[in-house]
Amino acid sequence: MTLKLPFDNGNSGRAQVVERIRPKLAWLAQRGVYLGTSSWKYAGWIGQLYEEARYVYRGRFSDARFQRMCLSEYAEVFKSVGVDAAYYAFPTRDQLTGWMDSVPPDFRFSFKVTDDITLKRFPNLPRFGHRAGKPNPDFLNAAKFEELFLGPCAEFRDRVGVLMFEFTRFHASDFLRGRDFVDALDEFLKRLPAGWDYGVEIRNATFLQPEYFQMLAQRGVAPVFNSWEAMPPLAEQMAIASAFAYPEVAAARLLLKPGRAYADAVARFSPYAELKEAYPEARLAAAGLIQRTVKEGKPKRSYLYVNNRLEGNAIQTIDAILEQSQVPGNPGG
């Protein structure tokens, strides 16, 4: 089977957009800005980021070969990636070793922390089996996080970016007030080992209060600004008092345009081979975070990850953000 997608140039398979962003991404990484995508195994990027010929076996495109090998090609262009897979299961040493061996030493992996730590109650989904619908006894269990998540990562500490605790939307039955969540989170964060970049992402807009950001700063933890269905736009989140109270690290994930349901984005944008709907406000906010890091040095490190479901194609969105950020087109180091 031969795949011919919109960006296939019939030659090397590398589109001009990829060659344009490669030096810019390297230039930013040298200055503490790690800009990448959320995950990397998208067949829709074949012909744009990935060369089809690399994954042909016995005359046919091999999806298994692609899934196994495409990270190496991704890392030829990008310097970082957000790993969503770690949200669904604790990473193993063998898994981490395979990823680390596929990329150069200056590449950084940022991870979503496994939901065994961040879910207060297990959703009624088949993957949770007998636990579905029940309270999670390990919610904010620092000891379990340290053993099962940090333990396997410890060997690769200098190659780990930000560890993101993503909390799904809480209901009043979970936390009556945002202050209650902040108190519980504070107790958890103060038990975490030092020496890692931690980030917290929340989905309750009303919890975005100055005391939330101040508590994170006191614990040396970055807020993860996120573009999501029921969250305010990124620019509004970043404009809140104390949003940048922690000067070491900042993080942002550009996931969905506010007001758009996840399922609607999947249906509209799959297979993510092309940009279908620009969202300039998110691009501008991301560019502002990049400029803040590069020009002001506060925060010292920023991690930004773009999802295909924001505009249809994360690579083209990143290209637009880089243009908006005025990163030199031919950086000189």
Protein backbone atom coordinates (compact mmCIF):
# COMPACT_ATOMS: atom_id res chain seq x y z
CA MET A 1 0.00 0.00 0.00
CA THR A 2 1.37 3.42 -0.93
CA LEU A 3 0.33 6.43 1.11
CA LYS A 4 0.15 9.75 -0.69
CA LEU A 5 -0.90 12.53 1.65
CA PRO A 6 -1.23 16.29 1.09
CA PHE A 7 2.35 17.12 2.04
CA ASP A 8 4.09 14.41 0.01
CA ASN A 9 6.45 16.19 -2.35
CA GLY A 10 7.32 13.01 -4.22
CA ASN A 11 10.99 13.45 -3.36
CA SER A 12 12.36 13.24 0.17
CA GLY A 13 8.89 13.41 1.71
CA ARG A 14 9.98 16.38 3.80
CA ALA A 15 7.83 19.45 3.29
CA GLN A 16 9.23 22.96 3.38
CA VAL A 17 7.43 23.73 6.65
CA VAL A 18 9.45 21.07 8.47
CA GLU A 19 12.76 22.30 7.10
CA ARG A 20 11.76 25.82 8.10
CA ILE A 21 10.97 25.02 11.72
CA ARG A 22 13.89 22.66 12.44
CA PRO A 23 16.60 25.34 13.06
CA LYS A 24 14.15 27.56 14.92
CA LEU A 25 13.24 24.77 17.34
CA ALA A 26 16.92 24.05 17.99
CA TRP A 27 17.60 27.75 18.57
CA LEU A 28 14.76 27.96 21.11
CA ALA A 29 15.83 24.81 22.95
CA GLN A 30 19.25 26.35 23.49
CA ARG A 31 17.45 29.22 25.21
CA GLY A 32 15.24 27.12 27.43
CA VAL A 33 12.12 26.91 25.27
CA TYR A 34 11.00 23.39 24.41
CA LEU A 35 8.27 23.48 21.77
CA GLY A 36 6.83 20.21 20.53
CA THR A 37 3.69 18.22 19.89
CA SER A 38 1.43 16.10 22.04
CA SER A 39 2.50 12.57 21.10
CA TRP A 40 4.12 11.73 17.77
CA LYS A 41 2.56 8.62 16.19
CA TYR A 42 0.35 10.23 13.56
CA ALA A 43 0.19 8.65 10.13
CA GLY A 44 -1.35 11.91 8.88
CA TRP A 45 2.13 13.43 9.15
CA ILE A 46 3.59 11.04 6.59
CA GLY A 47 4.84 13.13 3.70
CA GLN A 48 5.14 16.18 5.93
CA LEU A 49 7.27 15.13 8.90
CA TYR A 50 7.79 11.45 8.13
CA GLU A 51 9.26 9.90 5.01
CA GLU A 52 7.06 7.05 3.83
CA ALA A 53 10.01 5.05 2.49
CA ARG A 54 11.43 4.51 5.97
CA TYR A 55 8.43 2.45 6.94
CA VAL A 56 8.03 0.29 3.86
CA TYR A 57 8.68 -3.40 4.42
CA ARG A 58 8.57 -5.89 1.58
CA GLY A 59 7.07 -3.33 -0.70
CA ARG A 60 4.26 -2.29 1.63
CA PHE A 61 3.86 0.41 4.23
CA SER A 62 4.09 -1.20 7.67
CA ASP A 63 2.07 0.50 10.39
CA ALA A 64 3.83 -1.59 13.04
CA ARG A 65 7.19 -0.42 11.74
CA PHE A 66 5.96 3.16 11.73
CA GLN A 67 4.66 2.98 15.31
CA ARG A 68 7.95 1.49 16.47
CA MET A 69 10.40 3.71 14.61
CA CYS A 70 8.90 7.13 13.91
CA LEU A 71 10.12 8.73 17.16
CA SER A 72 13.67 8.80 15.78
CA GLU A 73 12.53 10.75 12.74
CA TYR A 74 10.43 13.07 14.89
CA ALA A 75 13.55 13.89 16.93
CA GLU A 76 15.43 14.90 13.78
CA VAL A 77 13.20 17.99 13.75
CA PHE A 78 11.84 18.52 17.27
CA LYS A 79 13.72 18.82 20.56
CA SER A 80 10.86 17.75 22.82
CA VAL A 81 7.56 15.90 22.94
CA GLY A 82 4.67 15.61 25.36
CA VAL A 83 4.08 11.95 26.21
CA ASP A 84 0.37 11.31 26.72
CA ALA A 85 0.85 7.53 26.98
CA ALA A 86 2.20 7.83 30.53
CA TYR A 87 -1.23 9.08 31.63
CA TYR A 88 -2.75 5.65 31.04
CA ALA A 89 -0.07 3.46 32.61
CA PHE A 90 3.04 3.96 34.71
CA PRO A 91 6.14 4.07 32.50
CA THR A 92 8.50 1.12 32.70
CA ARG A 93 12.28 1.20 32.53
CA ASP A 94 12.28 -0.80 29.28
CA GLN A 95 9.76 1.58 27.71
CA LEU A 96 11.75 4.63 28.77
CA THR A 97 15.01 3.09 27.60
CA GLY A 98 13.52 2.46 24.16
CA TRP A 99 12.40 6.06 23.87
CA MET A 100 15.67 7.50 25.14
CA ASP A 101 17.69 5.33 22.75
CA SER A 102 15.64 6.67 19.83
CA VAL A 103 16.55 10.33 20.30
CA PRO A 104 19.69 12.50 20.74
CA PRO A 105 20.87 13.39 24.26
CA ASP A 106 19.54 16.96 24.11
CA PHE A 107 15.97 15.80 23.47
CA ARG A 108 13.49 16.27 26.35
CA PHE A 109 10.46 14.17 27.18
CA SER A 110 7.65 15.74 29.17
CA PHE A 111 5.13 13.36 30.69
CA LYS A 112 1.54 13.44 31.77
CA VAL A 113 1.56 11.73 35.16
CA THR A 114 -0.45 8.52 35.35
CA ASP A 115 -4.11 9.01 36.22
CA ASP A 116 -3.85 6.58 39.14
CA ILE A 117 -2.46 9.62 40.98
CA THR A 118 -4.70 12.39 39.62
CA LEU A 119 -8.20 10.90 39.41
CA LYS A 120 -10.33 11.39 42.51
CA ARG A 121 -12.93 8.98 41.20
CA PHE A 122 -12.49 6.53 38.34
CA PRO A 123 -14.74 7.35 35.34
CA ASN A 124 -17.26 4.82 34.13
CA LEU A 125 -15.10 3.65 31.27
CA PRO A 126 -14.30 0.05 30.26
CA ARG A 127 -10.56 0.50 30.75
CA PHE A 128 -11.04 0.89 34.50
CA GLY A 129 -12.74 -2.48 34.86
CA HIS A 130 -14.03 -3.14 38.38
CA ARG A 131 -12.72 0.27 39.52
CA ALA A 132 -15.08 2.21 37.22
CA GLY A 133 -17.24 4.67 39.14
CA LYS A 134 -15.44 4.10 42.45
CA PRO A 135 -13.32 6.48 44.53
CA ASN A 136 -9.60 6.27 43.87
CA PRO A 137 -7.74 5.31 47.08
CA ASP A 138 -4.45 6.51 45.56
CA PHE A 139 -5.58 10.00 44.64
CA LEU A 140 -2.64 12.31 45.42
CA ASN A 141 -0.57 9.44 46.77
CA ALA A 142 2.95 10.92 46.80
CA ALA A 143 4.64 7.69 47.84
CA LYS A 144 3.10 5.75 44.96
CA PHE A 145 4.02 8.48 42.51
CA GLU A 146 7.61 8.48 43.72
CA GLU A 147 7.92 4.71 43.51
CA LEU A 148 6.08 3.89 40.30
CA PHE A 149 6.62 7.04 38.25
CA LEU A 150 9.79 8.73 39.42
CA GLY A 151 11.49 5.42 40.09
CA PRO A 152 11.72 4.34 36.43
CA CYS A 153 12.45 7.93 35.34
CA ALA A 154 15.30 8.50 37.79
CA GLU A 155 17.95 7.03 35.50
CA PHE A 156 16.98 9.54 32.81
CA ARG A 157 16.38 12.58 35.01
CA ASP A 158 18.45 14.98 32.90
CA ARG A 159 16.39 14.08 29.83
CA VAL A 160 12.99 14.59 31.42
CA GLY A 161 11.23 17.90 30.83
CA VAL A 162 8.16 18.75 32.88
CA LEU A 163 6.07 16.17 34.75
CA MET A 164 2.46 17.31 34.40
CA PHE A 165 -0.29 16.42 36.85
CA GLU A 166 -3.45 16.76 34.78
CA PHE A 167 -6.64 16.95 36.83
CA THR A 168 -9.94 16.41 35.05
CA ARG A 169 -12.85 18.67 35.89
CA PHE A 170 -13.89 18.27 39.51
CA HIS A 171 -17.53 18.35 40.64
CA ALA A 172 -18.89 19.83 43.87
CA SER A 173 -18.99 16.32 45.32
CA ASP A 174 -15.20 16.15 44.82
CA PHE A 175 -14.24 19.60 46.08
CA LEU A 176 -16.90 22.03 47.18
CA ARG A 177 -14.55 24.99 46.79
CA GLY A 178 -11.40 25.68 44.87
CA ARG A 179 -9.69 26.40 48.18
CA ASP A 180 -10.30 22.77 49.25
CA PHE A 181 -8.51 21.52 46.14
CA VAL A 182 -5.63 23.93 46.67
CA ASP A 183 -5.19 22.68 50.25
CA ALA A 184 -5.21 19.02 49.19
CA LEU A 185 -2.82 19.73 46.32
CA ASP A 186 -0.49 21.66 48.62
CA GLU A 187 -0.24 18.69 50.99
CA PHE A 188 0.64 16.46 48.05
CA LEU A 189 3.18 18.75 46.43
CA LYS A 190 5.15 19.35 49.60
CA ARG A 191 5.86 15.62 49.78
CA LEU A 192 7.39 15.40 46.30
CA PRO A 193 11.15 14.96 45.87
CA ALA A 194 13.04 18.02 44.68
CA GLY A 195 15.09 18.13 41.50
CA TRP A 196 12.31 17.71 38.92
CA ASP A 197 10.26 20.19 36.90
CA TYR A 198 6.66 19.69 38.00
CA GLY A 199 3.52 21.23 36.50
CA VAL A 200 -0.17 21.20 37.40
CA GLU A 201 -2.98 21.40 34.86
CA ILE A 202 -6.56 21.92 35.99
CA ARG A 203 -9.88 21.98 34.14
CA ASN A 204 -11.96 24.02 36.61
CA ALA A 205 -11.88 27.62 35.47
CA THR A 206 -13.10 28.91 38.83
CA PHE A 207 -10.03 27.41 40.54
CA LEU A 208 -7.75 29.80 38.64
CA GLN A 209 -7.29 32.21 41.53
CA PRO A 210 -4.20 34.10 42.73
CA GLU A 211 -3.89 31.83 45.78
CA TYR A 212 -3.68 28.79 43.49
CA PHE A 213 -0.74 30.27 41.57
CA GLN A 214 0.91 31.50 44.76
CA MET A 215 0.73 28.05 46.33
CA LEU A 216 2.32 26.49 43.24
CA ALA A 217 5.10 29.07 43.35
CA GLN A 218 5.77 28.33 47.01
CA ARG A 219 6.15 24.66 46.15
CA GLY A 220 8.33 25.30 43.10
CA VAL A 221 5.70 24.01 40.68
CA ALA A 222 4.59 25.50 37.36
CA PRO A 223 0.98 26.05 36.35
CA VAL A 224 0.24 24.35 33.05
CA PHE A 225 -1.80 26.83 31.06
CA ASN A 226 -4.17 24.89 28.84
CA SER A 227 -6.45 25.62 25.92
CA TRP A 228 -9.42 23.34 26.58
CA GLU A 229 -13.15 23.05 26.00
CA ALA A 230 -14.40 24.64 29.24
CA MET A 231 -11.35 26.73 30.13
CA PRO A 232 -10.82 30.44 29.44
CA PRO A 233 -8.46 31.33 26.59
CA LEU A 234 -4.74 31.03 27.28
CA ALA A 235 -4.22 34.79 27.30
CA GLU A 236 -6.80 35.18 30.08
CA GLN A 237 -5.13 32.48 32.17
CA MET A 238 -1.72 34.07 31.75
CA ALA A 239 -3.07 37.50 32.70
CA ILE A 240 -4.28 36.38 36.14
CA ALA A 241 -2.39 37.89 39.06
CA SER A 242 0.47 35.62 40.18
CA ALA A 243 0.20 33.43 37.06
CA PHE A 244 3.99 33.74 36.67
CA ALA A 245 4.85 33.84 40.35
CA TYR A 246 7.19 30.88 39.85
CA PRO A 247 10.07 32.27 37.75
CA GLU A 248 11.86 29.00 36.99
CA VAL A 249 9.41 27.05 34.82
CA ALA A 250 6.27 27.64 32.76
CA ALA A 251 4.25 25.20 30.69
CA ALA A 252 1.36 25.37 28.26
CA ARG A 253 -0.63 22.81 26.33
CA LEU A 254 -2.62 23.90 23.29
CA LEU A 255 -5.23 21.15 23.13
CA LEU A 256 -8.65 22.41 22.03
CA LYS A 257 -10.26 25.68 21.14
CA PRO A 258 -12.45 26.72 24.09
CA GLY A 259 -16.06 25.76 23.47
CA ARG A 260 -15.22 22.79 21.23
CA ALA A 261 -15.80 19.26 22.47
CA TYR A 262 -13.00 16.73 22.13
CA ALA A 263 -15.11 14.35 20.04
CA ASP A 264 -16.05 17.16 17.68
CA ALA A 265 -12.38 18.03 17.14
CA VAL A 266 -11.51 14.40 16.39
CA ALA A 267 -14.30 14.15 13.84
CA ARG A 268 -13.43 17.46 12.20
CA PHE A 269 -9.65 17.19 12.05
CA SER A 270 -8.71 13.51 11.67
CA PRO A 271 -6.34 12.23 10.28
CA TYR A 272 -4.52 15.49 11.15
CA ALA A 273 -2.78 15.84 7.81
CA GLU A 274 -3.55 19.53 7.31
CA LEU A 275 -4.42 22.69 9.17
CA LYS A 276 -8.15 23.23 8.84
CA GLU A 277 -9.09 26.04 11.19
CA ALA A 278 -6.71 28.69 12.50
CA TYR A 279 -7.05 29.84 16.11
CA PRO A 280 -4.95 33.04 16.19
CA GLU A 281 -5.57 33.81 19.86
CA ALA A 282 -3.85 30.62 21.01
CA ARG A 283 -0.92 31.20 18.66
CA LEU A 284 -0.45 34.72 20.00
CA ALA A 285 -0.54 33.56 23.63
CA ALA A 286 2.03 30.84 22.94
CA ALA A 287 4.25 33.32 21.16
CA GLY A 288 4.00 35.62 24.16
CA LEU A 289 5.23 32.87 26.47
CA ILE A 290 8.15 32.17 24.14
CA GLN A 291 9.11 35.83 24.00
CA ARG A 292 8.84 36.14 27.78
CA THR A 293 11.32 33.28 28.21
CA VAL A 294 13.77 34.34 25.52
CA LYS A 295 13.77 38.09 26.16
CA GLU A 296 13.14 38.34 29.90
CA GLY A 297 14.50 35.01 31.16
CA LYS A 298 11.54 34.63 33.51
CA PRO A 299 10.59 31.84 33.41
CA LYS A 300 13.98 30.29 32.75
CA ARG A 301 12.45 27.27 31.03
CA SER A 302 9.20 26.94 29.12
CA TYR A 303 7.56 23.82 27.77
CA LEU A 304 4.86 24.21 25.10
CA TYR A 305 3.03 21.33 23.48
CA VAL A 306 0.55 21.58 20.62
CA ASN A 307 -2.15 19.03 19.86
CA ASN A 308 -3.49 18.25 16.41
CA ARG A 309 -6.99 18.86 17.72
CA LEU A 310 -6.39 22.56 18.19
CA GLU A 311 -6.32 23.48 14.47
CA GLY A 312 -6.02 20.18 12.62
CA ASN A 313 -2.26 19.86 12.24
CA ALA A 314 0.14 20.57 15.13
CA ILE A 315 3.18 20.99 12.88
CA GLN A 316 1.62 23.83 10.92
CA THR A 317 0.34 25.41 14.13
CA ILE A 318 3.89 25.37 15.50
CA ASP A 319 5.16 26.92 12.28
CA ALA A 320 2.68 29.76 12.75
CA ILE A 321 3.65 30.22 16.41
CA LEU A 322 7.30 30.43 15.48
CA GLU A 323 6.52 33.05 12.88
CA GLN A 324 4.44 34.99 15.42
CA SER A 325 7.32 34.73 17.94
CA GLN A 326 9.75 36.31 15.46
CA VAL A 327 12.27 33.51 15.94
CA PRO A 328 15.11 34.08 13.44
CA GLY A 329 14.52 32.26 10.17
CA ASN A 330 18.17 31.23 9.97
CA PRO A 331 19.28 31.17 13.63
CA GLY A 332 23.00 31.54 14.15
CA GLY A 333 23.29 29.72 17.47
